[in-house]
Amino acid sequence: MGKSWKETRLRLYDRFYEPTFTTEQNLENRPPGIDREHWRWFLDYRAEAETKEKCRKNAVNRSKQQYIHIGGSKSFARQMEEESVEESYGSKCTKKDGSYINDKARAIGDESSRMLSQHDSIAQVFGKEKPGRVCSVGFGPALSQLFGPNSHVPNNRVQLEETQRKLLELQEELEGEKLKRKAMEDEAST
């Protein structure tokens, strides 16, 4: 609601305020339905040096932003306290329709979604997802919103080969760890 009010004020100011007019002319050129004294107060507020400085600082800060923050008033740090890094990044860098805010966010999000899947360690421990909720996320998002309709199925040959290569690497690593553990157990028992 606050964002809507801010945008409305800006739209009214841009549409009805004319910098070449005198104060009296701008008062007469006010939006329909707005009281003359309220419009005068608003124009006086916009003309204050403190307001102009605040607008200038905000414009400078916005120009320095690398990513658009669409996650509401919660900071990344506070959001990460409540959920995992992947979920936090995804909720802050995707629009309501699920699309990413820019290409850089898509690249990072795609990398994160490879790590988070329906077949990850959490899914193996807690079992199959229950309808209407997702483990560690709770009520609200559906499986298809988090993982996509076929996220566990690679969609092209290159991705399939990469997935198989990683699987083999992980299996080899697991076997190596099992051998190390067995050797340590044998050494401890003697």
C-alpha atoms as a PDB file:
ATOM      1  CA  MET A   1       0.000   0.000   0.000  1.00  0.00           C
ATOM      2  CA  GLY A   2       2.874   2.347   0.820  1.00  0.00           C
ATOM      3  CA  LYS A   3       4.469   1.710  -2.554  1.00  0.00           C
ATOM      4  CA  SER A   4       1.180   2.412  -4.319  1.00  0.00           C
ATOM      5  CA  TRP A   5       0.751   5.684  -2.399  1.00  0.00           C
ATOM      6  CA  LYS A   6       4.322   6.755  -3.207  1.00  0.00           C
ATOM      7  CA  GLU A   7       3.823   6.023  -6.909  1.00  0.00           C
ATOM      8  CA  THR A   8       0.516   7.901  -6.913  1.00  0.00           C
ATOM      9  CA  ARG A   9       2.112  10.990  -5.365  1.00  0.00           C
ATOM     10  CA  LEU A  10       4.925  10.882  -7.909  1.00  0.00           C
ATOM     11  CA  ARG A  11       2.488  10.428 -10.798  1.00  0.00           C
ATOM     12  CA  LEU A  12       0.350  13.372  -9.589  1.00  0.00           C
ATOM     13  CA  TYR A  13       3.395  15.580  -9.166  1.00  0.00           C
ATOM     14  CA  ASP A  14       4.807  14.714 -12.593  1.00  0.00           C
ATOM     15  CA  ARG A  15       1.450  15.168 -14.299  1.00  0.00           C
ATOM     16  CA  PHE A  16       0.186  18.358 -12.644  1.00  0.00           C
ATOM     17  CA  TYR A  17       3.274  20.276 -11.511  1.00  0.00           C
ATOM     18  CA  GLU A  18       4.808  22.536 -14.128  1.00  0.00           C
ATOM     19  CA  PRO A  19       8.221  24.008 -13.144  1.00  0.00           C
ATOM     20  CA  THR A  20       7.748  27.037 -15.429  1.00  0.00           C
ATOM     21  CA  PHE A  21       4.479  28.025 -13.696  1.00  0.00           C
ATOM     22  CA  THR A  22       4.290  30.287 -10.675  1.00  0.00           C
ATOM     23  CA  THR A  23       3.130  28.869  -7.359  1.00  0.00           C
ATOM     24  CA  GLU A  24      -0.329  30.335  -7.918  1.00  0.00           C
ATOM     25  CA  GLN A  25      -0.579  28.812 -11.410  1.00  0.00           C
ATOM     26  CA  ASN A  26       0.497  25.407 -10.055  1.00  0.00           C
ATOM     27  CA  LEU A  27      -2.125  25.666  -7.316  1.00  0.00           C
ATOM     28  CA  GLU A  28      -4.804  26.262  -9.941  1.00  0.00           C
ATOM     29  CA  ASN A  29      -3.425  23.392 -12.032  1.00  0.00           C
ATOM     30  CA  ARG A  30      -3.951  20.896  -9.161  1.00  0.00           C
ATOM     31  CA  PRO A  31      -5.425  17.405  -9.686  1.00  0.00           C
ATOM     32  CA  PRO A  32      -9.218  17.179  -9.574  1.00  0.00           C
ATOM     33  CA  GLY A  33     -10.490  16.185  -6.140  1.00  0.00           C
ATOM     34  CA  ILE A  34      -7.402  17.469  -4.304  1.00  0.00           C
ATOM     35  CA  ASP A  35      -7.982  20.299  -1.847  1.00  0.00           C
ATOM     36  CA  ARG A  36      -6.090  23.509  -2.662  1.00  0.00           C
ATOM     37  CA  GLU A  37      -4.412  23.635   0.768  1.00  0.00           C
ATOM     38  CA  HIS A  38      -3.333  19.973   0.576  1.00  0.00           C
ATOM     39  CA  TRP A  39      -1.821  20.584  -2.865  1.00  0.00           C
ATOM     40  CA  ARG A  40      -0.058  23.687  -1.527  1.00  0.00           C
ATOM     41  CA  TRP A  41       1.380  21.656   1.366  1.00  0.00           C
ATOM     42  CA  PHE A  42       2.562  18.967  -1.046  1.00  0.00           C
ATOM     43  CA  LEU A  43       4.213  21.492  -3.384  1.00  0.00           C
ATOM     44  CA  ASP A  44       5.888  23.211  -0.421  1.00  0.00           C
ATOM     45  CA  TYR A  45       7.148  19.833   0.805  1.00  0.00           C
ATOM     46  CA  ARG A  46       8.579  19.012  -2.629  1.00  0.00           C
ATOM     47  CA  ALA A  47      10.278  22.437  -2.803  1.00  0.00           C
ATOM     48  CA  GLU A  48      12.097  22.057   0.560  1.00  0.00           C
ATOM     49  CA  ALA A  49      15.878  21.717   0.339  1.00  0.00           C
ATOM     50  CA  GLU A  50      15.799  18.731   2.703  1.00  0.00           C
ATOM     51  CA  THR A  51      13.338  16.881   0.437  1.00  0.00           C
ATOM     52  CA  LYS A  52      15.375  17.647  -2.673  1.00  0.00           C
ATOM     53  CA  GLU A  53      18.548  16.397  -0.960  1.00  0.00           C
ATOM     54  CA  LYS A  54      16.778  13.200   0.121  1.00  0.00           C
ATOM     55  CA  CYS A  55      15.578  12.630  -3.471  1.00  0.00           C
ATOM     56  CA  ARG A  56      19.094  13.212  -4.802  1.00  0.00           C
ATOM     57  CA  LYS A  57      20.650  10.757  -2.298  1.00  0.00           C
ATOM     58  CA  ASN A  58      18.027   8.121  -3.111  1.00  0.00           C
ATOM     59  CA  ALA A  59      18.715   8.508  -6.841  1.00  0.00           C
ATOM     60  CA  VAL A  60      22.463   8.059  -6.241  1.00  0.00           C
ATOM     61  CA  ASN A  61      21.843   4.965  -4.080  1.00  0.00           C
ATOM     62  CA  ARG A  62      19.497   3.442  -6.674  1.00  0.00           C
ATOM     63  CA  SER A  63      22.122   3.962  -9.380  1.00  0.00           C
ATOM     64  CA  LYS A  64      24.615   1.915  -7.318  1.00  0.00           C
ATOM     65  CA  GLN A  65      22.291  -1.083  -6.980  1.00  0.00           C
ATOM     66  CA  GLN A  66      23.475  -4.173  -8.796  1.00  0.00           C
ATOM     67  CA  TYR A  67      20.323  -6.190  -8.116  1.00  0.00           C
ATOM     68  CA  ILE A  68      16.729  -5.146  -7.740  1.00  0.00           C
ATOM     69  CA  HIS A  69      15.457  -6.029  -4.264  1.00  0.00           C
ATOM     70  CA  ILE A  70      11.890  -7.280  -4.681  1.00  0.00           C
ATOM     71  CA  GLY A  71      11.578  -9.184  -1.422  1.00  0.00           C
ATOM     72  CA  GLY A  72       9.817  -6.499   0.591  1.00  0.00           C
ATOM     73  CA  SER A  73      11.213  -4.739   3.606  1.00  0.00           C
ATOM     74  CA  LYS A  74      13.186  -7.710   4.936  1.00  0.00           C
ATOM     75  CA  SER A  75      16.926  -7.532   4.376  1.00  0.00           C
ATOM     76  CA  PHE A  76      18.835 -10.453   2.876  1.00  0.00           C
ATOM     77  CA  ALA A  77      20.387 -11.143   6.297  1.00  0.00           C
ATOM     78  CA  ARG A  78      17.026 -11.306   8.062  1.00  0.00           C
ATOM     79  CA  GLN A  79      15.512 -13.376   5.266  1.00  0.00           C
ATOM     80  CA  MET A  80      18.424 -15.843   5.428  1.00  0.00           C
ATOM     81  CA  GLU A  81      17.849 -16.320   9.161  1.00  0.00           C
ATOM     82  CA  GLU A  82      14.365 -17.568   8.358  1.00  0.00           C
ATOM     83  CA  GLU A  83      15.109 -19.710   5.331  1.00  0.00           C
ATOM     84  CA  SER A  84      18.000 -21.219   3.420  1.00  0.00           C
ATOM     85  CA  VAL A  85      20.248 -19.215   1.090  1.00  0.00           C
ATOM     86  CA  GLU A  86      18.781 -20.727  -2.067  1.00  0.00           C
ATOM     87  CA  GLU A  87      15.208 -20.013  -1.010  1.00  0.00           C
ATOM     88  CA  SER A  88      16.119 -16.510   0.087  1.00  0.00           C
ATOM     89  CA  TYR A  89      17.852 -15.689  -3.173  1.00  0.00           C
ATOM     90  CA  GLY A  90      15.023 -17.191  -5.187  1.00  0.00           C
ATOM     91  CA  SER A  91      12.316 -15.249  -3.382  1.00  0.00           C
ATOM     92  CA  LYS A  92      14.212 -11.968  -3.712  1.00  0.00           C
ATOM     93  CA  CYS A  93      15.252 -12.326  -7.337  1.00  0.00           C
ATOM     94  CA  THR A  94      12.136 -13.722  -8.956  1.00  0.00           C
ATOM     95  CA  LYS A  95       8.918 -12.009  -9.855  1.00  0.00           C
ATOM     96  CA  LYS A  96       5.505 -13.304  -8.754  1.00  0.00           C
ATOM     97  CA  ASP A  97       5.158 -15.205 -12.040  1.00  0.00           C
ATOM     98  CA  GLY A  98       8.411 -17.100 -11.289  1.00  0.00           C
ATOM     99  CA  SER A  99      10.569 -15.375 -13.905  1.00  0.00           C
ATOM    100  CA  TYR A 100      13.930 -13.933 -12.858  1.00  0.00           C
ATOM    101  CA  ILE A 101      14.432 -10.171 -12.593  1.00  0.00           C
ATOM    102  CA  ASN A 102      17.471 -10.237 -14.916  1.00  0.00           C
ATOM    103  CA  ASP A 103      19.918 -12.586 -16.657  1.00  0.00           C
ATOM    104  CA  LYS A 104      22.467 -12.500 -13.833  1.00  0.00           C
ATOM    105  CA  ALA A 105      19.792 -13.555 -11.337  1.00  0.00           C
ATOM    106  CA  ARG A 106      18.712 -16.360 -13.691  1.00  0.00           C
ATOM    107  CA  ALA A 107      22.288 -17.708 -13.871  1.00  0.00           C
ATOM    108  CA  ILE A 108      22.656 -17.710 -10.078  1.00  0.00           C
ATOM    109  CA  GLY A 109      19.165 -19.100  -9.564  1.00  0.00           C
ATOM    110  CA  ASP A 110      19.713 -21.912 -12.056  1.00  0.00           C
ATOM    111  CA  GLU A 111      22.911 -22.877 -10.215  1.00  0.00           C
ATOM    112  CA  SER A 112      21.031 -22.846  -6.890  1.00  0.00           C
ATOM    113  CA  SER A 113      18.168 -24.933  -8.237  1.00  0.00           C
ATOM    114  CA  ARG A 114      20.634 -27.620  -9.349  1.00  0.00           C
ATOM    115  CA  MET A 115      21.744 -27.948  -5.733  1.00  0.00           C
ATOM    116  CA  LEU A 116      18.162 -27.948  -4.382  1.00  0.00           C
ATOM    117  CA  SER A 117      16.020 -30.707  -5.803  1.00  0.00           C
ATOM    118  CA  GLN A 118      13.312 -33.162  -4.938  1.00  0.00           C
ATOM    119  CA  HIS A 119      15.984 -35.846  -4.596  1.00  0.00           C
ATOM    120  CA  ASP A 120      18.411 -34.024  -2.285  1.00  0.00           C
ATOM    121  CA  SER A 121      19.422 -35.232   1.175  1.00  0.00           C
ATOM    122  CA  ILE A 122      16.425 -33.607   2.870  1.00  0.00           C
ATOM    123  CA  ALA A 123      14.043 -35.395   0.516  1.00  0.00           C
ATOM    124  CA  GLN A 124      15.836 -38.689   1.198  1.00  0.00           C
ATOM    125  CA  VAL A 125      15.533 -38.253   4.971  1.00  0.00           C
ATOM    126  CA  PHE A 126      11.950 -36.963   5.135  1.00  0.00           C
ATOM    127  CA  GLY A 127      10.556 -39.031   2.291  1.00  0.00           C
ATOM    128  CA  LYS A 128       8.067 -38.146  -0.433  1.00  0.00           C
ATOM    129  CA  GLU A 129       6.526 -34.666  -0.277  1.00  0.00           C
ATOM    130  CA  LYS A 130       2.983 -34.370   1.084  1.00  0.00           C
ATOM    131  CA  PRO A 131       0.364 -32.610  -1.066  1.00  0.00           C
ATOM    132  CA  GLY A 132       0.071 -28.911  -0.273  1.00  0.00           C
ATOM    133  CA  ARG A 133       3.446 -28.428   1.376  1.00  0.00           C
ATOM    134  CA  VAL A 134       7.160 -28.806   0.773  1.00  0.00           C
ATOM    135  CA  CYS A 135       9.548 -30.013   3.499  1.00  0.00           C
ATOM    136  CA  SER A 136      11.596 -27.191   5.011  1.00  0.00           C
ATOM    137  CA  VAL A 137       9.466 -24.618   3.197  1.00  0.00           C
ATOM    138  CA  GLY A 138       6.018 -25.305   4.684  1.00  0.00           C
ATOM    139  CA  PHE A 139       2.604 -24.365   3.372  1.00  0.00           C
ATOM    140  CA  GLY A 140       2.334 -22.073   0.395  1.00  0.00           C
ATOM    141  CA  PRO A 141       4.652 -22.889  -2.504  1.00  0.00           C
ATOM    142  CA  ALA A 142       3.903 -25.983  -4.542  1.00  0.00           C
ATOM    143  CA  LEU A 143       6.525 -28.460  -5.709  1.00  0.00           C
ATOM    144  CA  SER A 144       6.207 -27.215  -9.276  1.00  0.00           C
ATOM    145  CA  GLN A 145       6.831 -23.624  -8.143  1.00  0.00           C
ATOM    146  CA  LEU A 146      10.053 -24.571  -6.389  1.00  0.00           C
ATOM    147  CA  PHE A 147      11.384 -27.259  -8.678  1.00  0.00           C
ATOM    148  CA  GLY A 148       9.499 -26.758 -11.942  1.00  0.00           C
ATOM    149  CA  PRO A 149       7.304 -29.408 -13.550  1.00  0.00           C
ATOM    150  CA  ASN A 150      10.218 -31.641 -14.638  1.00  0.00           C
ATOM    151  CA  SER A 151      13.156 -30.269 -12.688  1.00  0.00           C
ATOM    152  CA  HIS A 152      14.530 -33.728 -11.880  1.00  0.00           C
ATOM    153  CA  VAL A 153      14.644 -34.675 -15.578  1.00  0.00           C
ATOM    154  CA  PRO A 154      17.502 -33.085 -17.527  1.00  0.00           C
ATOM    155  CA  ASN A 155      16.072 -31.359 -20.586  1.00  0.00           C
ATOM    156  CA  ASN A 156      18.982 -31.697 -22.976  1.00  0.00           C
ATOM    157  CA  ARG A 157      21.858 -34.039 -23.800  1.00  0.00           C
ATOM    158  CA  VAL A 158      24.578 -31.715 -22.450  1.00  0.00           C
ATOM    159  CA  GLN A 159      22.788 -31.327 -19.136  1.00  0.00           C
ATOM    160  CA  LEU A 160      22.212 -35.098 -18.957  1.00  0.00           C
ATOM    161  CA  GLU A 161      25.907 -35.795 -19.588  1.00  0.00           C
ATOM    162  CA  GLU A 162      26.932 -33.217 -16.973  1.00  0.00           C
ATOM    163  CA  THR A 163      24.546 -34.757 -14.453  1.00  0.00           C
ATOM    164  CA  GLN A 164      25.868 -38.265 -15.151  1.00  0.00           C
ATOM    165  CA  ARG A 165      29.479 -37.038 -14.856  1.00  0.00           C
ATOM    166  CA  LYS A 166      28.748 -35.411 -11.495  1.00  0.00           C
ATOM    167  CA  LEU A 167      26.951 -38.529 -10.310  1.00  0.00           C
ATOM    168  CA  LEU A 168      29.976 -40.678 -11.176  1.00  0.00           C
ATOM    169  CA  GLU A 169      32.313 -38.232  -9.407  1.00  0.00           C
ATOM    170  CA  LEU A 170      30.148 -38.284  -6.290  1.00  0.00           C
ATOM    171  CA  GLN A 171      29.911 -42.089  -6.344  1.00  0.00           C
ATOM    172  CA  GLU A 172      33.714 -42.344  -6.618  1.00  0.00           C
ATOM    173  CA  GLU A 173      34.107 -39.857  -3.771  1.00  0.00           C
ATOM    174  CA  LEU A 174      31.646 -41.840  -1.664  1.00  0.00           C
ATOM    175  CA  GLU A 175      33.510 -45.076  -2.318  1.00  0.00           C
ATOM    176  CA  GLY A 176      36.784 -43.377  -1.342  1.00  0.00           C
ATOM    177  CA  GLU A 177      35.237 -42.138   1.907  1.00  0.00           C
ATOM    178  CA  LYS A 178      33.885 -45.628   2.660  1.00  0.00           C
ATOM    179  CA  LEU A 179      37.361 -47.109   2.172  1.00  0.00           C
ATOM    180  CA  LYS A 180      38.914 -44.460   4.449  1.00  0.00           C
ATOM    181  CA  ARG A 181      36.264 -45.121   7.105  1.00  0.00           C
ATOM    182  CA  LYS A 182      36.786 -48.878   6.929  1.00  0.00           C
ATOM    183  CA  ALA A 183      40.562 -48.406   7.224  1.00  0.00           C
ATOM    184  CA  MET A 184      40.073 -46.146  10.258  1.00  0.00           C
ATOM    185  CA  GLU A 185      37.676 -48.654  11.877  1.00  0.00           C
ATOM    186  CA  ASP A 186      40.140 -51.509  11.243  1.00  0.00           C
ATOM    187  CA  GLU A 187      42.971 -49.437  12.725  1.00  0.00           C
ATOM    188  CA  ALA A 188      40.888 -48.507  15.772  1.00  0.00           C
ATOM    189  CA  SER A 189      39.886 -52.111  16.449  1.00  0.00           C
ATOM    190  CA  THR A 190      43.512 -53.371  16.506  1.00  0.00           C
END
